[in-house]
PDB file of N, CA and C in Angstrom:
ATOM      1  N   MET A   1     212.949  28.474  94.784  1.00  0.00           N
ATOM      2  CA  MET A   1     213.622  28.305  93.651  1.00  0.00           C
ATOM      3  C   MET A   1     211.728  27.405  93.491  1.00  0.00           C
ATOM      4  N   ILE A   2     212.329  26.990  92.133  1.00  0.00           N
ATOM      5  CA  ILE A   2     211.172  26.450  91.419  1.00  0.00           C
ATOM      6  C   ILE A   2     211.722  25.381  91.664  1.00  0.00           C
ATOM      7  N   ALA A   3     210.346  24.188  91.544  1.00  0.00           N
ATOM      8  CA  ALA A   3     210.536  22.848  92.006  1.00  0.00           C
ATOM      9  C   ALA A   3     211.264  22.405  90.344  1.00  0.00           C
ATOM     10  N   ASN A   4     211.708  21.314  90.800  1.00  0.00           N
ATOM     11  CA  ASN A   4     212.810  20.089  89.554  1.00  0.00           C
ATOM     12  C   ASN A   4     211.685  19.083  89.615  1.00  0.00           C
ATOM     13  N   THR A   5     210.603  18.990  89.431  1.00  0.00           N
ATOM     14  CA  THR A   5     209.773  18.320  88.214  1.00  0.00           C
ATOM     15  C   THR A   5     209.580  17.271  87.571  1.00  0.00           C
ATOM     16  N   PRO A   6     209.255  16.138  87.600  1.00  0.00           N
ATOM     17  CA  PRO A   6     208.936  14.847  86.438  1.00  0.00           C
ATOM     18  C   PRO A   6     208.595  15.098  84.711  1.00  0.00           C
ATOM     19  N   LYS A   7     208.775  14.805  84.165  1.00  0.00           N
ATOM     20  CA  LYS A   7     208.096  15.173  82.552  1.00  0.00           C
ATOM     21  C   LYS A   7     206.347  14.994  83.486  1.00  0.00           C
ATOM     22  N   PRO A   8     205.467  15.543  83.014  1.00  0.00           N
ATOM     23  CA  PRO A   8     203.729  15.105  83.177  1.00  0.00           C
ATOM     24  C   PRO A   8     203.716  13.707  82.634  1.00  0.00           C
ATOM     25  N   PRO A   9     202.559  12.842  83.107  1.00  0.00           N
ATOM     26  CA  PRO A   9     202.131  13.175  84.215  1.00  0.00           C
ATOM     27  C   PRO A   9     202.460  13.554  85.729  1.00  0.00           C
ATOM     28  N   TYR A  10     201.683  14.393  86.753  1.00  0.00           N
ATOM     29  CA  TYR A  10     201.610  14.797  88.061  1.00  0.00           C
ATOM     30  C   TYR A  10     200.771  15.258  88.708  1.00  0.00           C
ATOM     31  N   TYR A  11     200.835  15.373  89.503  1.00  0.00           N
ATOM     32  CA  TYR A  11     199.801  15.913  90.562  1.00  0.00           C
ATOM     33  C   TYR A  11     200.962  17.716  90.775  1.00  0.00           C
ATOM     34  N   ALA A  12     199.698  18.154  91.040  1.00  0.00           N
ATOM     35  CA  ALA A  12     199.834  19.927  92.239  1.00  0.00           C
ATOM     36  C   ALA A  12     198.659  19.813  93.006  1.00  0.00           C
ATOM     37  N   VAL A  13     198.958  20.211  94.036  1.00  0.00           N
ATOM     38  CA  VAL A  13     197.795  20.598  95.563  1.00  0.00           C
ATOM     39  C   VAL A  13     198.380  21.896  95.172  1.00  0.00           C
ATOM     40  N   ILE A  14     197.666  23.111  95.713  1.00  0.00           N
ATOM     41  CA  ILE A  14     197.512  24.300  95.712  1.00  0.00           C
ATOM     42  C   ILE A  14     196.395  24.659  96.865  1.00  0.00           C
ATOM     43  N   PHE A  15     197.843  24.890  97.804  1.00  0.00           N
ATOM     44  CA  PHE A  15     197.289  25.223  99.172  1.00  0.00           C
ATOM     45  C   PHE A  15     197.766  26.880  99.248  1.00  0.00           C
ATOM     46  N   THR A  16     196.029  27.490 100.015  1.00  0.00           N
ATOM     47  CA  THR A  16     195.944  28.746  99.502  1.00  0.00           C
ATOM     48  C   THR A  16     196.016  29.126 100.691  1.00  0.00           C
ATOM     49  N   SER A  17     196.081  29.981 101.286  1.00  0.00           N
ATOM     50  CA  SER A  17     195.394  30.317 102.775  1.00  0.00           C
ATOM     51  C   SER A  17     196.203  32.288 103.307  1.00  0.00           C
ATOM     52  N   LEU A  18     194.927  32.476 103.706  1.00  0.00           N
ATOM     53  CA  LEU A  18     195.180  33.688 104.289  1.00  0.00           C
ATOM     54  C   LEU A  18     195.018  33.658 106.384  1.00  0.00           C
ATOM     55  N   ARG A  19     196.215  34.305 106.907  1.00  0.00           N
ATOM     56  CA  ARG A  19     196.841  33.265 107.962  1.00  0.00           C
ATOM     57  C   ARG A  19     196.189  34.972 109.179  1.00  0.00           C
ATOM     58  N   THR A  20     195.669  34.302 110.494  1.00  0.00           N
ATOM     59  CA  THR A  20     195.822  35.404 111.810  1.00  0.00           C
ATOM     60  C   THR A  20     196.775  35.754 112.211  1.00  0.00           C
ATOM     61  N   ALA A  21     196.949  36.845 113.229  1.00  0.00           N
ATOM     62  CA  ALA A  21     198.105  37.648 113.580  1.00  0.00           C
ATOM     63  C   ALA A  21     198.575  36.307 114.904  1.00  0.00           C
ATOM     64  N   VAL A  22     198.657  35.297 115.012  1.00  0.00           N
ATOM     65  CA  VAL A  22     199.288  35.047 115.895  1.00  0.00           C
ATOM     66  C   VAL A  22     200.262  33.571 115.091  1.00  0.00           C
ATOM     67  N   ASP A  23     201.458  33.889 115.459  1.00  0.00           N
ATOM     68  CA  ASP A  23     202.690  33.474 115.328  1.00  0.00           C
ATOM     69  C   ASP A  23     203.357  32.198 116.293  1.00  0.00           C
ATOM     70  N   GLU A  24     202.646  32.224 117.359  1.00  0.00           N
ATOM     71  CA  GLU A  24     203.088  31.219 118.276  1.00  0.00           C
ATOM     72  C   GLU A  24     203.360  29.789 117.590  1.00  0.00           C
ATOM     73  N   GLY A  25     204.299  29.175 117.164  1.00  0.00           N
ATOM     74  CA  GLY A  25     204.567  27.859 116.505  1.00  0.00           C
ATOM     75  C   GLY A  25     204.871  27.685 115.154  1.00  0.00           C
ATOM     76  N   TYR A  26     204.304  28.758 114.128  1.00  0.00           N
ATOM     77  CA  TYR A  26     204.528  28.798 113.357  1.00  0.00           C
ATOM     78  C   TYR A  26     204.970  28.473 111.907  1.00  0.00           C
ATOM     79  N   GLY A  27     206.181  29.114 111.834  1.00  0.00           N
ATOM     80  CA  GLY A  27     207.251  28.712 111.699  1.00  0.00           C
ATOM     81  C   GLY A  27     207.683  27.899 111.813  1.00  0.00           C
ATOM     82  N   ASN A  28     207.954  27.482 112.623  1.00  0.00           N
ATOM     83  CA  ASN A  28     208.177  26.002 113.436  1.00  0.00           C
ATOM     84  C   ASN A  28     207.588  24.107 112.196  1.00  0.00           C
ATOM     85  N   MET A  29     206.369  24.906 112.695  1.00  0.00           N
ATOM     86  CA  MET A  29     205.745  23.824 112.256  1.00  0.00           C
ATOM     87  C   MET A  29     205.659  23.833 110.835  1.00  0.00           C
ATOM     88  N   ALA A  30     206.188  24.694 110.281  1.00  0.00           N
ATOM     89  CA  ALA A  30     205.735  24.732 108.766  1.00  0.00           C
ATOM     90  C   ALA A  30     207.388  23.997 108.244  1.00  0.00           C
ATOM     91  N   ASP A  31     208.448  24.820 108.647  1.00  0.00           N
ATOM     92  CA  ASP A  31     209.911  24.442 108.480  1.00  0.00           C
ATOM     93  C   ASP A  31     209.460  22.079 108.578  1.00  0.00           C
ATOM     94  N   ASN A  32     209.040  22.313 109.518  1.00  0.00           N
ATOM     95  CA  ASN A  32     208.705  20.329 110.209  1.00  0.00           C
ATOM     96  C   ASN A  32     208.088  19.910 109.382  1.00  0.00           C
ATOM     97  N   MET A  33     207.215  20.962 108.575  1.00  0.00           N
ATOM     98  CA  MET A  33     206.165  20.069 107.661  1.00  0.00           C
ATOM     99  C   MET A  33     206.310  19.823 106.398  1.00  0.00           C
ATOM    100  N   VAL A  34     207.679  20.882 105.819  1.00  0.00           N
ATOM    101  CA  VAL A  34     208.305  20.482 105.100  1.00  0.00           C
ATOM    102  C   VAL A  34     209.219  19.298 104.607  1.00  0.00           C
ATOM    103  N   ALA A  35     210.118  19.550 106.344  1.00  0.00           N
ATOM    104  CA  ALA A  35     210.756  18.173 106.191  1.00  0.00           C
ATOM    105  C   ALA A  35     210.250  17.009 105.991  1.00  0.00           C
ATOM    106  N   LEU A  36     208.788  17.262 106.742  1.00  0.00           N
ATOM    107  CA  LEU A  36     207.964  16.085 106.485  1.00  0.00           C
ATOM    108  C   LEU A  36     207.770  15.370 104.888  1.00  0.00           C
ATOM    109  N   ALA A  37     206.612  16.422 104.960  1.00  0.00           N
ATOM    110  CA  ALA A  37     206.408  16.315 103.404  1.00  0.00           C
ATOM    111  C   ALA A  37     207.516  15.675 101.883  1.00  0.00           C
ATOM    112  N   GLU A  38     209.131  16.131 102.339  1.00  0.00           N
ATOM    113  CA  GLU A  38     210.411  15.831 101.448  1.00  0.00           C
ATOM    114  C   GLU A  38     210.306  14.258 102.139  1.00  0.00           C
ATOM    115  N   GLN A  39     209.971  13.367 102.831  1.00  0.00           N
ATOM    116  CA  GLN A  39     210.370  12.016 103.040  1.00  0.00           C
ATOM    117  C   GLN A  39     209.377  11.260 102.930  1.00  0.00           C
ATOM    118  N   GLN A  40     208.487  11.614 102.279  1.00  0.00           N
ATOM    119  CA  GLN A  40     206.771  10.925 101.848  1.00  0.00           C
ATOM    120  C   GLN A  40     207.204  10.283 100.572  1.00  0.00           C
ATOM    121  N   PRO A  41     206.345   9.770  99.806  1.00  0.00           N
ATOM    122  CA  PRO A  41     206.626   8.648  99.009  1.00  0.00           C
ATOM    123  C   PRO A  41     205.764   8.950  97.860  1.00  0.00           C
ATOM    124  N   GLY A  42     206.307   9.145  97.197  1.00  0.00           N
ATOM    125  CA  GLY A  42     205.406   9.976  95.918  1.00  0.00           C
ATOM    126  C   GLY A  42     205.953  11.643  95.153  1.00  0.00           C
ATOM    127  N   TYR A  43     206.565  12.726  96.661  1.00  0.00           N
ATOM    128  CA  TYR A  43     206.560  14.003  97.244  1.00  0.00           C
ATOM    129  C   TYR A  43     207.840  14.188  95.629  1.00  0.00           C
ATOM    130  N   LEU A  44     207.018  15.094  95.065  1.00  0.00           N
ATOM    131  CA  LEU A  44     208.446  16.133  93.798  1.00  0.00           C
ATOM    132  C   LEU A  44     209.223  16.492  94.502  1.00  0.00           C
ATOM    133  N   GLY A  45     208.280  17.902  95.583  1.00  0.00           N
ATOM    134  CA  GLY A  45     208.978  18.815  95.733  1.00  0.00           C
ATOM    135  C   GLY A  45     208.069  19.909  95.880  1.00  0.00           C
ATOM    136  N   HIS A  46     208.299  21.338  96.126  1.00  0.00           N
ATOM    137  CA  HIS A  46     206.859  22.468  96.388  1.00  0.00           C
ATOM    138  C   HIS A  46     207.688  23.605  96.031  1.00  0.00           C
ATOM    139  N   GLU A  47     206.716  24.667  96.115  1.00  0.00           N
ATOM    140  CA  GLU A  47     207.177  26.228  95.992  1.00  0.00           C
ATOM    141  C   GLU A  47     206.129  27.028  96.947  1.00  0.00           C
ATOM    142  N   SER A  48     207.377  28.007  97.442  1.00  0.00           N
ATOM    143  CA  SER A  48     205.795  28.644  98.795  1.00  0.00           C
ATOM    144  C   SER A  48     206.089  30.292  98.047  1.00  0.00           C
ATOM    145  N   ALA A  49     204.884  30.911  98.302  1.00  0.00           N
ATOM    146  CA  ALA A  49     205.666  32.506  98.729  1.00  0.00           C
ATOM    147  C   ALA A  49     204.287  32.696  99.842  1.00  0.00           C
ATOM    148  N   ARG A  50     204.560  34.004 100.131  1.00  0.00           N
ATOM    149  CA  ARG A  50     203.956  34.574 100.904  1.00  0.00           C
ATOM    150  C   ARG A  50     204.104  35.889 100.920  1.00  0.00           C
ATOM    151  N   ASP A  51     202.541  36.344 100.469  1.00  0.00           N
ATOM    152  CA  ASP A  51     202.559  38.035 100.654  1.00  0.00           C
ATOM    153  C   ASP A  51     201.361  38.572 100.842  1.00  0.00           C
ATOM    154  N   GLY A  52     200.367  38.889 102.384  1.00  0.00           N
ATOM    155  CA  GLY A  52     198.757  38.927 102.793  1.00  0.00           C
ATOM    156  C   GLY A  52     198.806  37.687 102.423  1.00  0.00           C
ATOM    157  N   THR A  53     198.136  36.522 101.267  1.00  0.00           N
ATOM    158  CA  THR A  53     198.050  35.296 100.498  1.00  0.00           C
ATOM    159  C   THR A  53     199.010  34.883 100.733  1.00  0.00           C
ATOM    160  N   GLY A  54     199.262  33.021 101.785  1.00  0.00           N
ATOM    161  CA  GLY A  54     199.796  32.676 101.198  1.00  0.00           C
ATOM    162  C   GLY A  54     199.309  31.317 100.068  1.00  0.00           C
ATOM    163  N   ILE A  55     200.323  31.228  99.378  1.00  0.00           N
ATOM    164  CA  ILE A  55     200.348  29.619  98.488  1.00  0.00           C
ATOM    165  C   ILE A  55     201.825  29.610  98.498  1.00  0.00           C
ATOM    166  N   THR A  56     201.232  27.882  98.888  1.00  0.00           N
ATOM    167  CA  THR A  56     202.246  26.677  98.418  1.00  0.00           C
ATOM    168  C   THR A  56     201.838  25.676  97.663  1.00  0.00           C
ATOM    169  N   VAL A  57     202.423  25.375  97.016  1.00  0.00           N
ATOM    170  CA  VAL A  57     202.205  24.873  96.059  1.00  0.00           C
ATOM    171  C   VAL A  57     203.435  22.918  96.265  1.00  0.00           C
ATOM    172  N   SER A  58     202.328  21.714  96.134  1.00  0.00           N
ATOM    173  CA  SER A  58     203.140  21.047  96.000  1.00  0.00           C
ATOM    174  C   SER A  58     203.491  19.470  94.653  1.00  0.00           C
ATOM    175  N   TYR A  59     204.113  18.663  94.562  1.00  0.00           N
ATOM    176  CA  TYR A  59     204.179  18.133  93.517  1.00  0.00           C
ATOM    177  C   TYR A  59     204.315  17.026  93.847  1.00  0.00           C
ATOM    178  N   TRP A  60     203.874  15.991  93.224  1.00  0.00           N
ATOM    179  CA  TRP A  60     203.128  14.337  93.435  1.00  0.00           C
ATOM    180  C   TRP A  60     202.874  13.342  92.363  1.00  0.00           C
ATOM    181  N   GLN A  61     203.765  12.427  92.768  1.00  0.00           N
ATOM    182  CA  GLN A  61     203.199  11.142  91.921  1.00  0.00           C
ATOM    183  C   GLN A  61     202.256  11.706  91.827  1.00  0.00           C
ATOM    184  N   SER A  62     201.581  10.803  93.047  1.00  0.00           N
ATOM    185  CA  SER A  62     199.923   9.971  92.193  1.00  0.00           C
ATOM    186  C   SER A  62     199.332  10.220  93.143  1.00  0.00           C
ATOM    187  N   LEU A  63     197.506  10.364  93.026  1.00  0.00           N
ATOM    188  CA  LEU A  63     196.251  10.898  93.480  1.00  0.00           C
ATOM    189  C   LEU A  63     196.986   9.928  95.572  1.00  0.00           C
ATOM    190  N   GLU A  64     197.716   8.855  95.204  1.00  0.00           N
ATOM    191  CA  GLU A  64     197.769   7.928  97.138  1.00  0.00           C
ATOM    192  C   GLU A  64     198.563   8.159  97.303  1.00  0.00           C
ATOM    193  N   ALA A  65     199.847   8.594  96.599  1.00  0.00           N
ATOM    194  CA  ALA A  65     200.687   9.562  97.236  1.00  0.00           C
ATOM    195  C   ALA A  65     200.044  10.999  98.148  1.00  0.00           C
ATOM    196  N   ILE A  66     199.220  11.652  97.974  1.00  0.00           N
ATOM    197  CA  ILE A  66     198.689  12.907  98.412  1.00  0.00           C
ATOM    198  C   ILE A  66     197.546  12.799  99.458  1.00  0.00           C
ATOM    199  N   SER A  67     196.778  11.009  99.273  1.00  0.00           N
ATOM    200  CA  SER A  67     195.955  10.857 100.335  1.00  0.00           C
ATOM    201  C   SER A  67     196.757  10.254 101.756  1.00  0.00           C
ATOM    202  N   ASN A  68     197.999   9.568 100.841  1.00  0.00           N
ATOM    203  CA  ASN A  68     198.301   9.290 102.343  1.00  0.00           C
ATOM    204  C   ASN A  68     199.458  11.031 102.676  1.00  0.00           C
ATOM    205  N   TRP A  69     199.960  11.810 102.092  1.00  0.00           N
ATOM    206  CA  TRP A  69     200.455  12.309 102.809  1.00  0.00           C
ATOM    207  C   TRP A  69     199.577  13.487 104.265  1.00  0.00           C
ATOM    208  N   LYS A  70     198.365  13.685 103.269  1.00  0.00           N
ATOM    209  CA  LYS A  70     196.530  14.486 103.552  1.00  0.00           C
ATOM    210  C   LYS A  70     195.965  12.995 105.056  1.00  0.00           C
ATOM    211  N   LYS A  71     196.565  12.167 104.794  1.00  0.00           N
ATOM    212  CA  LYS A  71     196.342  10.913 106.220  1.00  0.00           C
ATOM    213  C   LYS A  71     198.047  11.422 107.495  1.00  0.00           C
ATOM    214  N   ASN A  72     198.863  11.742 107.149  1.00  0.00           N
ATOM    215  CA  ASN A  72     199.798  11.131 108.116  1.00  0.00           C
ATOM    216  C   ASN A  72     200.047  12.274 109.073  1.00  0.00           C
ATOM    217  N   SER A  73     199.485  11.078 110.674  1.00  0.00           N
ATOM    218  CA  SER A  73     199.631  11.795 111.976  1.00  0.00           C
ATOM    219  C   SER A  73     200.120  13.285 112.482  1.00  0.00           C
ATOM    220  N   ASP A  74     201.930  13.489 111.632  1.00  0.00           N
ATOM    221  CA  ASP A  74     201.927  14.540 112.526  1.00  0.00           C
ATOM    222  C   ASP A  74     201.084  15.941 111.325  1.00  0.00           C
ATOM    223  N   HIS A  75     201.147  15.542 110.252  1.00  0.00           N
ATOM    224  CA  HIS A  75     200.721  16.687 109.277  1.00  0.00           C
ATOM    225  C   HIS A  75     198.915  16.477 109.746  1.00  0.00           C
ATOM    226  N   LEU A  76     198.076  15.686 110.447  1.00  0.00           N
ATOM    227  CA  LEU A  76     196.627  15.608 110.477  1.00  0.00           C
ATOM    228  C   LEU A  76     196.883  16.720 111.888  1.00  0.00           C
ATOM    229  N   MET A  77     197.235  16.341 112.984  1.00  0.00           N
ATOM    230  CA  MET A  77     198.233  17.393 114.165  1.00  0.00           C
ATOM    231  C   MET A  77     198.075  19.065 113.254  1.00  0.00           C
ATOM    232  N   ALA A  78     199.481  19.095 112.361  1.00  0.00           N
ATOM    233  CA  ALA A  78     199.566  20.897 111.829  1.00  0.00           C
ATOM    234  C   ALA A  78     198.212  21.099 111.497  1.00  0.00           C
ATOM    235  N   GLN A  79     197.697  20.049 111.090  1.00  0.00           N
ATOM    236  CA  GLN A  79     196.182  20.851 110.200  1.00  0.00           C
ATOM    237  C   GLN A  79     195.020  21.190 111.472  1.00  0.00           C
ATOM    238  N   ARG A  80     195.209  20.527 112.438  1.00  0.00           N
ATOM    239  CA  ARG A  80     194.483  21.103 113.602  1.00  0.00           C
ATOM    240  C   ARG A  80     194.855  22.403 113.633  1.00  0.00           C
ATOM    241  N   PHE A  81     196.397  22.012 113.942  1.00  0.00           N
ATOM    242  CA  PHE A  81     197.036  23.893 114.295  1.00  0.00           C
ATOM    243  C   PHE A  81     196.118  24.820 113.691  1.00  0.00           C
ATOM    244  N   GLY A  82     196.611  24.855 112.861  1.00  0.00           N
ATOM    245  CA  GLY A  82     195.447  25.690 111.341  1.00  0.00           C
ATOM    246  C   GLY A  82     195.331  26.382 111.249  1.00  0.00           C
ATOM    247  N   ARG A  83     194.078  25.834 111.726  1.00  0.00           N
ATOM    248  CA  ARG A  83     192.427  25.619 112.200  1.00  0.00           C
ATOM    249  C   ARG A  83     191.903  26.501 113.101  1.00  0.00           C
ATOM    250  N   ALA A  84     192.857  26.325 113.983  1.00  0.00           N
ATOM    251  CA  ALA A  84     192.383  26.263 116.112  1.00  0.00           C
ATOM    252  C   ALA A  84     193.326  27.875 116.044  1.00  0.00           C
ATOM    253  N   LYS A  85     194.402  27.984 115.348  1.00  0.00           N
ATOM    254  CA  LYS A  85     195.704  29.507 115.656  1.00  0.00           C
ATOM    255  C   LYS A  85     196.032  30.114 114.800  1.00  0.00           C
ATOM    256  N   TRP A  86     196.237  30.247 113.514  1.00  0.00           N
ATOM    257  CA  TRP A  86     196.810  30.403 112.412  1.00  0.00           C
ATOM    258  C   TRP A  86     196.441  31.125 111.343  1.00  0.00           C
ATOM    259  N   TYR A  87     195.074  30.548 110.822  1.00  0.00           N
ATOM    260  CA  TYR A  87     194.346  30.587 109.286  1.00  0.00           C
ATOM    261  C   TYR A  87     192.762  32.049 109.883  1.00  0.00           C
ATOM    262  N   THR A  88     193.066  32.349 108.934  1.00  0.00           N
ATOM    263  CA  THR A  88     191.257  32.900 108.801  1.00  0.00           C
ATOM    264  C   THR A  88     190.618  31.791 107.852  1.00  0.00           C
ATOM    265  N   GLN A  89     191.022  31.679 106.907  1.00  0.00           N
ATOM    266  CA  GLN A  89     190.687  31.037 105.720  1.00  0.00           C
ATOM    267  C   GLN A  89     192.187  29.842 105.111  1.00  0.00           C
ATOM    268  N   TYR A  90     191.896  29.046 104.290  1.00  0.00           N
ATOM    269  CA  TYR A  90     191.964  28.177 103.265  1.00  0.00           C
ATOM    270  C   TYR A  90     191.126  27.712 102.512  1.00  0.00           C
ATOM    271  N   LYS A  91     192.345  27.337 101.647  1.00  0.00           N
ATOM    272  CA  LYS A  91     191.492  26.413 100.446  1.00  0.00           C
ATOM    273  C   LYS A  91     192.319  25.514  99.812  1.00  0.00           C
ATOM    274  N   THR A  92     191.781  24.023  99.541  1.00  0.00           N
ATOM    275  CA  THR A  92     193.387  23.030  98.910  1.00  0.00           C
ATOM    276  C   THR A  92     192.773  22.777  97.651  1.00  0.00           C
ATOM    277  N   ARG A  93     193.631  22.971  96.900  1.00  0.00           N
ATOM    278  CA  ARG A  93     192.305  22.438  95.390  1.00  0.00           C
ATOM    279  C   ARG A  93     193.870  21.292  94.847  1.00  0.00           C
ATOM    280  N   ILE A  94     193.722  20.593  94.168  1.00  0.00           N
ATOM    281  CA  ILE A  94     194.161  18.907  93.032  1.00  0.00           C
ATOM    282  C   ILE A  94     193.984  19.051  92.167  1.00  0.00           C
ATOM    283  N   CYS A  95     195.379  19.307  91.959  1.00  0.00           N
ATOM    284  CA  CYS A  95     195.171  19.136  90.152  1.00  0.00           C
ATOM    285  C   CYS A  95     196.297  18.193  89.179  1.00  0.00           C
ATOM    286  N   LEU A  96     195.663  17.749  88.378  1.00  0.00           N
ATOM    287  CA  LEU A  96     196.626  17.036  87.405  1.00  0.00           C
ATOM    288  C   LEU A  96     197.514  17.902  86.372  1.00  0.00           C
ATOM    289  N   VAL A  97     198.681  17.671  86.645  1.00  0.00           N
ATOM    290  CA  VAL A  97     199.551  18.419  85.848  1.00  0.00           C
ATOM    291  C   VAL A  97     199.948  17.047  84.285  1.00  0.00           C
ATOM    292  N   GLU A  98     199.423  18.061  83.193  1.00  0.00           N
ATOM    293  CA  GLU A  98     199.255  17.636  82.254  1.00  0.00           C
ATOM    294  C   GLU A  98     200.689  17.962  81.190  1.00  0.00           C
ATOM    295  N   ARG A  99     200.818  19.099  81.642  1.00  0.00           N
ATOM    296  CA  ARG A  99     201.967  19.562  80.530  1.00  0.00           C
ATOM    297  C   ARG A  99     202.622  20.617  80.972  1.00  0.00           C
ATOM    298  N   ASP A 100     203.684  20.534  80.971  1.00  0.00           N
ATOM    299  CA  ASP A 100     204.621  22.285  81.467  1.00  0.00           C
ATOM    300  C   ASP A 100     205.985  22.432  81.181  1.00  0.00           C
ATOM    301  N   TYR A 101     206.253  23.502  81.536  1.00  0.00           N
ATOM    302  CA  TYR A 101     207.365  23.499  80.244  1.00  0.00           C
ATOM    303  C   TYR A 101     208.305  25.107  80.786  1.00  0.00           C
ATOM    304  N   GLY A 102     209.245  25.517  80.638  1.00  0.00           N
ATOM    305  CA  GLY A 102     210.019  26.824  80.883  1.00  0.00           C
ATOM    306  C   GLY A 102     210.882  27.467  80.780  1.00  0.00           C
ATOM    307  N   PHE A 103     211.351  28.125  80.850  1.00  0.00           N
ATOM    308  CA  PHE A 103     212.566  28.844  80.620  1.00  0.00           C
ATOM    309  C   PHE A 103     213.774  29.646  82.085  1.00  0.00           C
ATOM    310  N   GLU A 104     214.938  28.938  82.250  1.00  0.00           N
ATOM    311  CA  GLU A 104     215.531  29.277  82.790  1.00  0.00           C
ATOM    312  C   GLU A 104     217.419  29.749  81.998  1.00  0.00           C
ATOM    313  N   LYS A 105     217.486  31.011  82.095  1.00  0.00           N
ATOM    314  CA  LYS A 105     218.528  32.266  81.856  1.00  0.00           C
ATOM    315  C   LYS A 105     220.141  31.390  82.176  1.00  0.00           C
ATOM    316  N   GLU A 106     220.669  31.053  81.310  1.00  0.00           N
ATOM    317  CA  GLU A 106     221.400  30.393  81.077  1.00  0.00           C
ATOM    318  C   GLU A 106     223.189  31.760  82.160  1.00  0.00           C
ATOM    319  N   SER A 107     223.841  31.163  82.858  1.00  0.00           N
ATOM    320  CA  SER A 107     224.809  31.515  84.205  1.00  0.00           C
ATOM    321  C   SER A 107     225.766  32.080  83.012  1.00  0.00           C
ATOM    322  N   ILE A 108     226.413  33.210  83.004  1.00  0.00           N
ATOM    323  CA  ILE A 108     227.100  34.286  82.638  1.00  0.00           C
ATOM    324  C   ILE A 108     228.537  33.517  83.370  1.00  0.00           C
TER     325      ILE A 108
END
């Protein structure tokens, strides 16, 4: 599903990752992090895909909201597990969205 974001400007956090072979608790943690992010002030939505390389883009109202999410204690714990067990490599990029546009085919 494509996130329904507001009119720009807003921020995008792009998390790109490569996984290890360890699955131990990964799915549950990922689901928990989505549910927790959705409760954070300033969260606007997210999109995620994985086919070898995983890419998750989350959208936020402000840099302050992103910073608060980064410092969330449960999110910090997930980051530690990610580095220790689940990822061989990741990169996070924070971007200002200045313009967006799209297309949606009408249902028949």
